[in-house]
C-alpha atoms as a PDB file:
ATOM      1  CA  UNK A   1      96.903  29.069 120.951  1.00  0.00           C
ATOM      2  CA  UNK A   2      94.430  31.342 119.202  1.00  0.00           C
ATOM      3  CA  UNK A   3      95.792  34.852 118.628  1.00  0.00           C
ATOM      4  CA  UNK A   4      92.524  36.399 117.508  1.00  0.00           C
ATOM      5  CA  UNK A   5      90.681  36.315 120.817  1.00  0.00           C
ATOM      6  CA  UNK A   6      89.034  38.986 122.943  1.00  0.00           C
ATOM      7  CA  UNK A   7      90.999  39.382 126.180  1.00  0.00           C
ATOM      8  CA  UNK A   8      91.074  41.495 129.312  1.00  0.00           C
ATOM      9  CA  UNK A   9      93.990  42.735 131.413  1.00  0.00           C
ATOM     10  CA  UNK A  10      94.584  39.432 133.223  1.00  0.00           C
ATOM     11  CA  UNK A  11      94.311  37.375 130.049  1.00  0.00           C
ATOM     12  CA  UNK A  12      96.953  39.538 128.365  1.00  0.00           C
ATOM     13  CA  UNK A  13      99.404  38.230 130.972  1.00  0.00           C
ATOM     14  CA  UNK A  14      98.123  34.668 131.087  1.00  0.00           C
ATOM     15  CA  UNK A  15      98.058  34.136 127.317  1.00  0.00           C
ATOM     16  CA  UNK A  16     101.504  35.725 126.847  1.00  0.00           C
ATOM     17  CA  UNK A  17     103.064  33.107 129.112  1.00  0.00           C
ATOM     18  CA  UNK A  18     100.862  30.378 127.602  1.00  0.00           C
ATOM     19  CA  UNK A  19     102.108  31.293 124.128  1.00  0.00           C
ATOM     20  CA  UNK A  20     105.736  31.237 125.269  1.00  0.00           C
ATOM     21  CA  UNK A  21     105.237  27.906 127.010  1.00  0.00           C
ATOM     22  CA  UNK A  22     103.778  26.353 123.853  1.00  0.00           C
ATOM     23  CA  UNK A  23     105.962  28.043 121.236  1.00  0.00           C
ATOM     24  CA  UNK A  24     109.001  29.462 123.056  1.00  0.00           C
ATOM     25  CA  UNK A  25     111.474  26.857 121.784  1.00  0.00           C
ATOM     26  CA  UNK A  26     110.327  27.347 118.178  1.00  0.00           C
ATOM     27  CA  UNK A  27     110.338  31.141 118.573  1.00  0.00           C
ATOM     28  CA  UNK A  28     113.870  31.422 119.961  1.00  0.00           C
ATOM     29  CA  UNK A  29     115.399  28.712 117.779  1.00  0.00           C
ATOM     30  CA  UNK A  30     114.350  30.425 114.569  1.00  0.00           C
ATOM     31  CA  UNK A  31     115.346  33.824 115.923  1.00  0.00           C
ATOM     32  CA  UNK A  32     118.945  32.714 116.481  1.00  0.00           C
ATOM     33  CA  UNK A  33     119.022  30.926 113.128  1.00  0.00           C
ATOM     34  CA  UNK A  34     118.109  34.176 111.366  1.00  0.00           C
ATOM     35  CA  UNK A  35     119.944  36.708 113.534  1.00  0.00           C
ATOM     36  CA  UNK A  36     122.684  34.558 115.077  1.00  0.00           C
ATOM     37  CA  UNK A  37     125.527  35.680 112.789  1.00  0.00           C
ATOM     38  CA  UNK A  38     124.902  39.361 113.468  1.00  0.00           C
ATOM     39  CA  UNK A  39     124.652  38.707 117.216  1.00  0.00           C
ATOM     40  CA  UNK A  40     128.020  36.920 117.222  1.00  0.00           C
ATOM     41  CA  UNK A  41     129.655  39.795 115.312  1.00  0.00           C
ATOM     42  CA  UNK A  42     128.253  42.327 117.783  1.00  0.00           C
ATOM     43  CA  UNK A  43     129.483  40.252 120.722  1.00  0.00           C
ATOM     44  CA  UNK A  44     133.014  40.135 119.256  1.00  0.00           C
ATOM     45  CA  UNK A  45     132.992  43.885 118.598  1.00  0.00           C
ATOM     46  CA  UNK A  46     131.638  44.470 122.093  1.00  0.00           C
ATOM     47  CA  UNK A  47     134.447  42.398 123.593  1.00  0.00           C
ATOM     48  CA  UNK A  48     137.126  44.449 121.828  1.00  0.00           C
ATOM     49  CA  UNK A  49     135.455  47.665 122.966  1.00  0.00           C
ATOM     50  CA  UNK A  50     135.339  46.485 126.606  1.00  0.00           C
ATOM     51  CA  UNK A  51     138.998  45.442 126.358  1.00  0.00           C
ATOM     52  CA  UNK A  52     139.978  48.907 125.092  1.00  0.00           C
ATOM     53  CA  UNK A  53     137.836  50.587 127.784  1.00  0.00           C
ATOM     54  CA  UNK A  54     139.511  48.634 130.591  1.00  0.00           C
ATOM     55  CA  UNK A  55     142.947  49.475 129.148  1.00  0.00           C
ATOM     56  CA  UNK A  56     141.925  53.125 129.121  1.00  0.00           C
ATOM     57  CA  UNK A  57     140.884  53.013 132.794  1.00  0.00           C
ATOM     58  CA  UNK A  58     143.561  50.801 134.324  1.00  0.00           C
ATOM     59  CA  UNK A  59     146.303  50.380 131.746  1.00  0.00           C
ATOM     60  CA  UNK A  60     149.313  52.454 130.793  1.00  0.00           C
ATOM     61  CA  UNK A  61     147.079  55.107 129.255  1.00  0.00           C
ATOM     62  CA  UNK A  62     145.056  55.791 132.418  1.00  0.00           C
ATOM     63  CA  UNK A  63     147.334  58.498 133.890  1.00  0.00           C
ATOM     64  CA  UNK A  64     148.415  60.264 130.725  1.00  0.00           C
ATOM     65  CA  UNK A  65     145.847  62.324 128.810  1.00  0.00           C
ATOM     66  CA  UNK A  66     148.294  63.086 126.007  1.00  0.00           C
ATOM     67  CA  UNK A  67     149.019  59.353 125.641  1.00  0.00           C
ATOM     68  CA  UNK A  68     145.288  58.690 125.272  1.00  0.00           C
ATOM     69  CA  UNK A  69     144.975  61.368 122.598  1.00  0.00           C
ATOM     70  CA  UNK A  70     148.066  60.076 120.816  1.00  0.00           C
ATOM     71  CA  UNK A  71     146.792  56.491 120.982  1.00  0.00           C
ATOM     72  CA  UNK A  72     143.453  57.495 119.472  1.00  0.00           C
ATOM     73  CA  UNK A  73     145.099  59.548 116.704  1.00  0.00           C
ATOM     74  CA  UNK A  74     147.433  56.704 115.803  1.00  0.00           C
ATOM     75  CA  UNK A  75     144.530  54.267 115.604  1.00  0.00           C
ATOM     76  CA  UNK A  76     141.991  56.643 114.055  1.00  0.00           C
ATOM     77  CA  UNK A  77     141.455  54.426 111.001  1.00  0.00           C
ATOM     78  CA  UNK A  78     140.815  51.391 113.228  1.00  0.00           C
ATOM     79  CA  UNK A  79     138.317  53.358 115.317  1.00  0.00           C
ATOM     80  CA  UNK A  80     136.452  54.580 112.241  1.00  0.00           C
ATOM     81  CA  UNK A  81     136.283  51.075 110.749  1.00  0.00           C
ATOM     82  CA  UNK A  82     135.186  49.725 114.127  1.00  0.00           C
ATOM     83  CA  UNK A  83     132.415  52.317 114.484  1.00  0.00           C
ATOM     84  CA  UNK A  84     131.172  51.808 110.907  1.00  0.00           C
ATOM     85  CA  UNK A  85     131.153  48.022 111.354  1.00  0.00           C
ATOM     86  CA  UNK A  86     129.417  48.261 114.728  1.00  0.00           C
ATOM     87  CA  UNK A  87     126.808  50.712 113.420  1.00  0.00           C
ATOM     88  CA  UNK A  88     126.116  48.716 110.230  1.00  0.00           C
ATOM     89  CA  UNK A  89     125.866  45.313 111.880  1.00  0.00           C
ATOM     90  CA  UNK A  90     123.967  46.803 114.810  1.00  0.00           C
ATOM     91  CA  UNK A  91     121.409  48.473 112.537  1.00  0.00           C
ATOM     92  CA  UNK A  92     120.819  45.270 110.558  1.00  0.00           C
ATOM     93  CA  UNK A  93     120.487  43.269 113.771  1.00  0.00           C
ATOM     94  CA  UNK A  94     118.063  45.806 115.274  1.00  0.00           C
ATOM     95  CA  UNK A  95     115.842  45.759 112.181  1.00  0.00           C
ATOM     96  CA  UNK A  96     115.812  41.951 112.090  1.00  0.00           C
ATOM     97  CA  UNK A  97     115.221  41.667 115.847  1.00  0.00           C
ATOM     98  CA  UNK A  98     112.496  44.298 116.018  1.00  0.00           C
ATOM     99  CA  UNK A  99     110.535  42.933 113.064  1.00  0.00           C
ATOM    100  CA  UNK A 100     111.017  39.266 113.994  1.00  0.00           C
ATOM    101  CA  UNK A 101     108.038  38.869 116.354  1.00  0.00           C
ATOM    102  CA  UNK A 102     105.578  40.735 114.062  1.00  0.00           C
ATOM    103  CA  UNK A 103     106.639  38.515 111.146  1.00  0.00           C
ATOM    104  CA  UNK A 104     106.617  35.389 113.324  1.00  0.00           C
ATOM    105  CA  UNK A 105     103.110  36.108 114.627  1.00  0.00           C
ATOM    106  CA  UNK A 106     101.880  36.892 111.138  1.00  0.00           C
ATOM    107  CA  UNK A 107     102.985  33.440 109.961  1.00  0.00           C
ATOM    108  CA  UNK A 108     101.677  31.885 113.174  1.00  0.00           C
ATOM    109  CA  UNK A 109      98.214  33.326 112.541  1.00  0.00           C
ATOM    110  CA  UNK A 110      98.374  32.414 108.851  1.00  0.00           C
ATOM    111  CA  UNK A 111      99.361  28.771 109.496  1.00  0.00           C
ATOM    112  CA  UNK A 112      97.185  28.391 112.613  1.00  0.00           C
ATOM    113  CA  UNK A 113     100.227  27.477 114.682  1.00  0.00           C
ATOM    114  CA  UNK A 114     103.971  26.982 114.398  1.00  0.00           C
ATOM    115  CA  UNK A 115     103.759  25.027 111.142  1.00  0.00           C
ATOM    116  CA  UNK A 116     106.524  27.014 109.472  1.00  0.00           C
ATOM    117  CA  UNK A 117     110.319  27.163 109.636  1.00  0.00           C
ATOM    118  CA  UNK A 118     113.242  29.555 109.250  1.00  0.00           C
ATOM    119  CA  UNK A 119     112.978  29.463 105.443  1.00  0.00           C
ATOM    120  CA  UNK A 120     109.394  30.728 105.619  1.00  0.00           C
ATOM    121  CA  UNK A 121     110.489  33.512 107.953  1.00  0.00           C
ATOM    122  CA  UNK A 122     113.379  34.491 105.664  1.00  0.00           C
ATOM    123  CA  UNK A 123     111.033  34.582 102.650  1.00  0.00           C
ATOM    124  CA  UNK A 124     108.691  36.804 104.631  1.00  0.00           C
ATOM    125  CA  UNK A 125     111.594  39.115 105.448  1.00  0.00           C
ATOM    126  CA  UNK A 126     112.506  39.289 101.749  1.00  0.00           C
ATOM    127  CA  UNK A 127     108.947  40.181 100.744  1.00  0.00           C
ATOM    128  CA  UNK A 128     108.858  42.946 103.372  1.00  0.00           C
ATOM    129  CA  UNK A 129     112.285  44.564 102.884  1.00  0.00           C
ATOM    130  CA  UNK A 130     110.857  47.685 101.272  1.00  0.00           C
ATOM    131  CA  UNK A 131     108.132  47.951 103.911  1.00  0.00           C
ATOM    132  CA  UNK A 132     110.641  47.625 106.736  1.00  0.00           C
ATOM    133  CA  UNK A 133     112.773  50.425 105.266  1.00  0.00           C
ATOM    134  CA  UNK A 134     109.712  52.639 104.761  1.00  0.00           C
ATOM    135  CA  UNK A 135     108.616  51.890 108.309  1.00  0.00           C
ATOM    136  CA  UNK A 136     112.073  52.779 109.660  1.00  0.00           C
ATOM    137  CA  UNK A 137     112.089  56.183 107.936  1.00  0.00           C
ATOM    138  CA  UNK A 138     108.499  57.026 108.887  1.00  0.00           C
ATOM    139  CA  UNK A 139     108.999  55.794 112.453  1.00  0.00           C
ATOM    140  CA  UNK A 140     111.888  58.250 112.844  1.00  0.00           C
ATOM    141  CA  UNK A 141     109.709  61.089 111.525  1.00  0.00           C
ATOM    142  CA  UNK A 142     106.804  60.171 113.806  1.00  0.00           C
ATOM    143  CA  UNK A 143     109.221  59.862 116.742  1.00  0.00           C
ATOM    144  CA  UNK A 144     109.738  63.636 116.790  1.00  0.00           C
ATOM    145  CA  UNK A 145     106.220  64.548 118.029  1.00  0.00           C
ATOM    146  CA  UNK A 146     105.702  61.223 119.857  1.00  0.00           C
ATOM    147  CA  UNK A 147     108.878  61.469 121.905  1.00  0.00           C
ATOM    148  CA  UNK A 148     108.236  65.164 122.554  1.00  0.00           C
ATOM    149  CA  UNK A 149     104.801  64.382 124.011  1.00  0.00           C
ATOM    150  CA  UNK A 150     106.139  61.353 125.899  1.00  0.00           C
ATOM    151  CA  UNK A 151     109.010  63.443 127.250  1.00  0.00           C
ATOM    152  CA  UNK A 152     106.690  66.182 128.523  1.00  0.00           C
ATOM    153  CA  UNK A 153     104.371  63.629 130.149  1.00  0.00           C
ATOM    154  CA  UNK A 154     107.322  61.813 131.735  1.00  0.00           C
ATOM    155  CA  UNK A 155     108.735  65.092 133.058  1.00  0.00           C
ATOM    156  CA  UNK A 156     105.405  65.986 134.641  1.00  0.00           C
ATOM    157  CA  UNK A 157     105.175  62.524 136.209  1.00  0.00           C
ATOM    158  CA  UNK A 158     108.685  62.723 137.671  1.00  0.00           C
ATOM    159  CA  UNK A 159     107.816  65.897 139.587  1.00  0.00           C
ATOM    160  CA  UNK A 160     105.911  63.792 142.115  1.00  0.00           C
ATOM    161  CA  UNK A 161     107.190  60.572 143.664  1.00  0.00           C
ATOM    162  CA  UNK A 162     103.982  58.689 142.939  1.00  0.00           C
ATOM    163  CA  UNK A 163     104.146  59.839 139.312  1.00  0.00           C
ATOM    164  CA  UNK A 164     107.328  57.803 138.786  1.00  0.00           C
ATOM    165  CA  UNK A 165     105.215  54.659 139.074  1.00  0.00           C
ATOM    166  CA  UNK A 166     103.412  55.628 135.857  1.00  0.00           C
ATOM    167  CA  UNK A 167     106.558  56.060 133.729  1.00  0.00           C
ATOM    168  CA  UNK A 168     106.313  52.410 132.522  1.00  0.00           C
ATOM    169  CA  UNK A 169     102.839  53.239 131.166  1.00  0.00           C
ATOM    170  CA  UNK A 170     104.330  55.953 128.959  1.00  0.00           C
ATOM    171  CA  UNK A 171     106.975  53.538 127.696  1.00  0.00           C
ATOM    172  CA  UNK A 172     104.315  50.881 127.144  1.00  0.00           C
ATOM    173  CA  UNK A 173     102.094  53.272 125.183  1.00  0.00           C
ATOM    174  CA  UNK A 174     104.882  54.392 122.833  1.00  0.00           C
ATOM    175  CA  UNK A 175     106.158  50.842 122.337  1.00  0.00           C
ATOM    176  CA  UNK A 176     102.716  49.354 121.663  1.00  0.00           C
ATOM    177  CA  UNK A 177     101.901  52.182 119.258  1.00  0.00           C
ATOM    178  CA  UNK A 178     104.985  51.460 117.145  1.00  0.00           C
ATOM    179  CA  UNK A 179     104.715  47.681 117.358  1.00  0.00           C
ATOM    180  CA  UNK A 180     101.038  47.711 116.426  1.00  0.00           C
ATOM    181  CA  UNK A 181     101.820  49.904 113.434  1.00  0.00           C
ATOM    182  CA  UNK A 182     104.420  47.471 112.100  1.00  0.00           C
ATOM    183  CA  UNK A 183     102.161  44.461 112.673  1.00  0.00           C
ATOM    184  CA  UNK A 184      99.362  46.068 110.714  1.00  0.00           C
ATOM    185  CA  UNK A 185     101.655  47.410 107.990  1.00  0.00           C
ATOM    186  CA  UNK A 186     103.169  44.034 107.092  1.00  0.00           C
ATOM    187  CA  UNK A 187      99.668  42.661 106.577  1.00  0.00           C
ATOM    188  CA  UNK A 188      99.794  44.530 103.227  1.00  0.00           C
ATOM    189  CA  UNK A 189      96.281  45.945 103.701  1.00  0.00           C
ATOM    190  CA  UNK A 190      97.022  49.523 104.763  1.00  0.00           C
ATOM    191  CA  UNK A 191      99.546  52.231 103.955  1.00  0.00           C
ATOM    192  CA  UNK A 192     102.141  53.202 106.528  1.00  0.00           C
ATOM    193  CA  UNK A 193     100.220  56.277 107.661  1.00  0.00           C
ATOM    194  CA  UNK A 194      96.950  54.361 107.808  1.00  0.00           C
ATOM    195  CA  UNK A 195      98.747  51.765 109.926  1.00  0.00           C
ATOM    196  CA  UNK A 196      99.908  54.417 112.398  1.00  0.00           C
ATOM    197  CA  UNK A 197      96.360  55.722 112.665  1.00  0.00           C
ATOM    198  CA  UNK A 198      94.926  52.223 113.003  1.00  0.00           C
ATOM    199  CA  UNK A 199      97.387  51.292 115.736  1.00  0.00           C
ATOM    200  CA  UNK A 200      96.336  54.295 117.802  1.00  0.00           C
ATOM    201  CA  UNK A 201      92.655  53.507 117.213  1.00  0.00           C
ATOM    202  CA  UNK A 202      93.167  49.933 118.453  1.00  0.00           C
ATOM    203  CA  UNK A 203      95.002  51.099 121.576  1.00  0.00           C
ATOM    204  CA  UNK A 204      92.184  53.506 122.378  1.00  0.00           C
ATOM    205  CA  UNK A 205      89.613  50.695 122.635  1.00  0.00           C
ATOM    206  CA  UNK A 206      91.202  49.275 125.815  1.00  0.00           C
ATOM    207  CA  UNK A 207      93.795  51.947 126.465  1.00  0.00           C
ATOM    208  CA  UNK A 208      94.628  51.484 130.147  1.00  0.00           C
ATOM    209  CA  UNK A 209      94.467  47.693 130.096  1.00  0.00           C
ATOM    210  CA  UNK A 210      96.686  47.541 126.993  1.00  0.00           C
ATOM    211  CA  UNK A 211      99.394  50.022 127.990  1.00  0.00           C
ATOM    212  CA  UNK A 212      99.214  48.889 131.612  1.00  0.00           C
ATOM    213  CA  UNK A 213     100.034  45.314 130.671  1.00  0.00           C
ATOM    214  CA  UNK A 214     102.856  46.267 128.282  1.00  0.00           C
ATOM    215  CA  UNK A 215     104.231  48.788 130.782  1.00  0.00           C
ATOM    216  CA  UNK A 216     104.363  46.163 133.543  1.00  0.00           C
ATOM    217  CA  UNK A 217     106.225  43.775 131.251  1.00  0.00           C
ATOM    218  CA  UNK A 218     108.791  46.508 130.588  1.00  0.00           C
ATOM    219  CA  UNK A 219     109.146  47.159 134.325  1.00  0.00           C
ATOM    220  CA  UNK A 220     109.596  43.459 135.174  1.00  0.00           C
ATOM    221  CA  UNK A 221     112.144  43.026 132.378  1.00  0.00           C
ATOM    222  CA  UNK A 222     114.086  46.126 133.484  1.00  0.00           C
ATOM    223  CA  UNK A 223     114.296  44.950 137.095  1.00  0.00           C
ATOM    224  CA  UNK A 224     115.264  41.391 136.162  1.00  0.00           C
ATOM    225  CA  UNK A 225     117.947  42.437 133.681  1.00  0.00           C
ATOM    226  CA  UNK A 226     119.587  44.899 136.054  1.00  0.00           C
ATOM    227  CA  UNK A 227     119.653  42.430 138.938  1.00  0.00           C
ATOM    228  CA  UNK A 228     121.316  39.735 136.829  1.00  0.00           C
ATOM    229  CA  UNK A 229     123.775  42.088 135.120  1.00  0.00           C
ATOM    230  CA  UNK A 230     124.915  43.773 138.341  1.00  0.00           C
ATOM    231  CA  UNK A 231     125.814  40.479 140.061  1.00  0.00           C
ATOM    232  CA  UNK A 232     129.263  40.052 138.380  1.00  0.00           C
ATOM    233  CA  UNK A 233     129.977  43.784 138.818  1.00  0.00           C
ATOM    234  CA  UNK A 234     129.328  43.637 142.570  1.00  0.00           C
ATOM    235  CA  UNK A 235     131.413  40.467 142.875  1.00  0.00           C
ATOM    236  CA  UNK A 236     134.322  42.305 141.214  1.00  0.00           C
ATOM    237  CA  UNK A 237     133.946  45.349 143.502  1.00  0.00           C
ATOM    238  CA  UNK A 238     133.714  43.210 146.655  1.00  0.00           C
ATOM    239  CA  UNK A 239     136.773  41.227 145.588  1.00  0.00           C
ATOM    240  CA  UNK A 240     138.764  44.450 145.083  1.00  0.00           C
ATOM    241  CA  UNK A 241     137.669  45.899 148.446  1.00  0.00           C
ATOM    242  CA  UNK A 242     138.500  42.646 150.208  1.00  0.00           C
ATOM    243  CA  UNK A 243     141.996  42.751 148.721  1.00  0.00           C
ATOM    244  CA  UNK A 244     142.494  46.352 149.857  1.00  0.00           C
ATOM    245  CA  UNK A 245     141.320  45.602 153.401  1.00  0.00           C
ATOM    246  CA  UNK A 246     143.743  42.681 153.555  1.00  0.00           C
ATOM    247  CA  UNK A 247     146.576  45.160 152.990  1.00  0.00           C
ATOM    248  CA  UNK A 248     147.676  43.799 149.628  1.00  0.00           C
ATOM    249  CA  UNK A 249     148.764  46.116 146.839  1.00  0.00           C
ATOM    250  CA  UNK A 250     146.777  45.138 143.770  1.00  0.00           C
ATOM    251  CA  UNK A 251     148.657  44.921 140.496  1.00  0.00           C
ATOM    252  CA  UNK A 252     147.213  47.501 138.038  1.00  0.00           C
ATOM    253  CA  UNK A 253     147.775  45.121 135.149  1.00  0.00           C
ATOM    254  CA  UNK A 254     145.911  42.344 136.946  1.00  0.00           C
ATOM    255  CA  UNK A 255     143.077  44.755 137.760  1.00  0.00           C
ATOM    256  CA  UNK A 256     142.935  45.747 134.104  1.00  0.00           C
ATOM    257  CA  UNK A 257     142.638  42.119 133.007  1.00  0.00           C
ATOM    258  CA  UNK A 258     139.995  41.353 135.633  1.00  0.00           C
ATOM    259  CA  UNK A 259     138.020  44.459 134.745  1.00  0.00           C
ATOM    260  CA  UNK A 260     138.229  43.575 131.058  1.00  0.00           C
ATOM    261  CA  UNK A 261     136.759  40.144 131.773  1.00  0.00           C
ATOM    262  CA  UNK A 262     134.002  41.639 133.948  1.00  0.00           C
ATOM    263  CA  UNK A 263     133.131  44.257 131.316  1.00  0.00           C
ATOM    264  CA  UNK A 264     132.969  41.579 128.624  1.00  0.00           C
ATOM    265  CA  UNK A 265     130.820  39.386 130.866  1.00  0.00           C
ATOM    266  CA  UNK A 266     128.470  42.260 131.698  1.00  0.00           C
ATOM    267  CA  UNK A 267     128.138  43.167 128.016  1.00  0.00           C
ATOM    268  CA  UNK A 268     127.477  39.524 127.117  1.00  0.00           C
ATOM    269  CA  UNK A 269     124.894  39.040 129.859  1.00  0.00           C
ATOM    270  CA  UNK A 270     123.201  42.374 129.218  1.00  0.00           C
ATOM    271  CA  UNK A 271     122.967  41.791 125.475  1.00  0.00           C
ATOM    272  CA  UNK A 272     121.743  38.187 125.596  1.00  0.00           C
ATOM    273  CA  UNK A 273     119.288  38.783 128.447  1.00  0.00           C
ATOM    274  CA  UNK A 274     118.086  41.894 126.628  1.00  0.00           C
ATOM    275  CA  UNK A 275     117.342  39.793 123.528  1.00  0.00           C
ATOM    276  CA  UNK A 276     115.545  37.150 125.580  1.00  0.00           C
ATOM    277  CA  UNK A 277     113.411  39.672 127.468  1.00  0.00           C
ATOM    278  CA  UNK A 278     112.729  41.859 124.443  1.00  0.00           C
ATOM    279  CA  UNK A 279     111.174  38.928 122.586  1.00  0.00           C
ATOM    280  CA  UNK A 280     108.926  38.258 125.579  1.00  0.00           C
ATOM    281  CA  UNK A 281     107.829  41.910 125.657  1.00  0.00           C
ATOM    282  CA  UNK A 282     107.128  41.862 121.922  1.00  0.00           C
ATOM    283  CA  UNK A 283     105.123  38.642 122.212  1.00  0.00           C
ATOM    284  CA  UNK A 284     103.057  40.350 124.897  1.00  0.00           C
ATOM    285  CA  UNK A 285     102.494  43.312 122.576  1.00  0.00           C
ATOM    286  CA  UNK A 286     101.489  40.881 119.838  1.00  0.00           C
ATOM    287  CA  UNK A 287      98.956  39.185 122.113  1.00  0.00           C
ATOM    288  CA  UNK A 288      97.535  42.605 123.021  1.00  0.00           C
ATOM    289  CA  UNK A 289      97.467  43.712 119.364  1.00  0.00           C
ATOM    290  CA  UNK A 290      95.657  40.618 118.074  1.00  0.00           C
ATOM    291  CA  UNK A 291      93.222  40.793 120.975  1.00  0.00           C
ATOM    292  CA  UNK A 292      92.335  44.407 120.239  1.00  0.00           C
ATOM    293  CA  UNK A 293      92.116  43.603 116.532  1.00  0.00           C
ATOM    294  CA  UNK A 294      89.630  40.835 117.282  1.00  0.00           C
ATOM    295  CA  UNK A 295      87.555  43.241 119.394  1.00  0.00           C
ATOM    296  CA  UNK A 296      87.356  45.686 116.485  1.00  0.00           C
ATOM    297  CA  UNK A 297      87.200  43.420 113.411  1.00  0.00           C
ATOM    298  CA  UNK A 298      85.762  40.181 114.899  1.00  0.00           C
ATOM    299  CA  UNK A 299      88.030  38.118 112.635  1.00  0.00           C
ATOM    300  CA  UNK A 300      87.833  34.871 114.620  1.00  0.00           C
ATOM    301  CA  UNK A 301      84.118  35.332 115.295  1.00  0.00           C
ATOM    302  CA  UNK A 302      83.403  35.723 111.584  1.00  0.00           C
ATOM    303  CA  UNK A 303      85.516  32.658 110.837  1.00  0.00           C
ATOM    304  CA  UNK A 304      83.562  30.580 113.363  1.00  0.00           C
ATOM    305  CA  UNK A 305      80.264  31.717 111.829  1.00  0.00           C
ATOM    306  CA  UNK A 306      81.501  30.777 108.356  1.00  0.00           C
ATOM    307  CA  UNK A 307      82.483  27.333 109.645  1.00  0.00           C
ATOM    308  CA  UNK A 308      79.028  26.839 111.131  1.00  0.00           C
ATOM    309  CA  UNK A 309      77.533  27.739 107.759  1.00  0.00           C
ATOM    310  CA  UNK A 310      79.687  25.141 105.954  1.00  0.00           C
ATOM    311  CA  UNK A 311      78.727  22.399 108.417  1.00  0.00           C
ATOM    312  CA  UNK A 312      75.063  23.045 107.807  1.00  0.00           C
END
């Protein structure tokens, strides 16, 4: 599928799903090859956290505040190591995950298709380490005014019921702004601040169509993820209520074990579905970005003209 192509609102949707249909297996396979180790570590850490949380709610510590405080003090070193490990691995995984689609699409456009593998992606990561770190720092700085403006706009929209429907547009605008900046920055043609400016300029060319499409993808992903994740939670609640209505006295230890399993399952589902959906959203942003870039720079049009010249 051609990335550099002028598109409208409907084509943003259509070509996103077309791209995933053609390249989804290649996209996800290489993602888990590169980020799989960090994902597994986070899942293990998440399981231990859910196990501790269920013990805190239903175990021997649940009715004794002093016991909770004593337990935490006795295991302070473990908690600190756990938090440092979770933060470090989580940060690395977030950076890899967030930059994966921009790097993937860059190679896709460069090779005119999925004619590259995990090694090519890893080499691209290596060549962009400094840029990713610079982007991370600058993105945090830019987030101060951006999130302030987005927060004010969101607050104004929430005052009215109908305004709530436009909240996804705010999320879509902020997300596309940041994603477009990274995509342009790793092209090695502009500085980080020029990339921020360029991303906003691109969005402005088809502002409502662009943020509307991205915002709807966020809304669909949010609804889908919450429906799937809440299913095991509701099953657990219904099972508990059924047991109470039957007149049985549930064993607190059994409840703790069941809740621990449910919490681990919810964390697992939420995390994996979040990864799956986030890549789809980012692919959609990539399709929008390359479309807007074609509208402004006419990259594919110029290439076609050059090809005509060579044939003559």
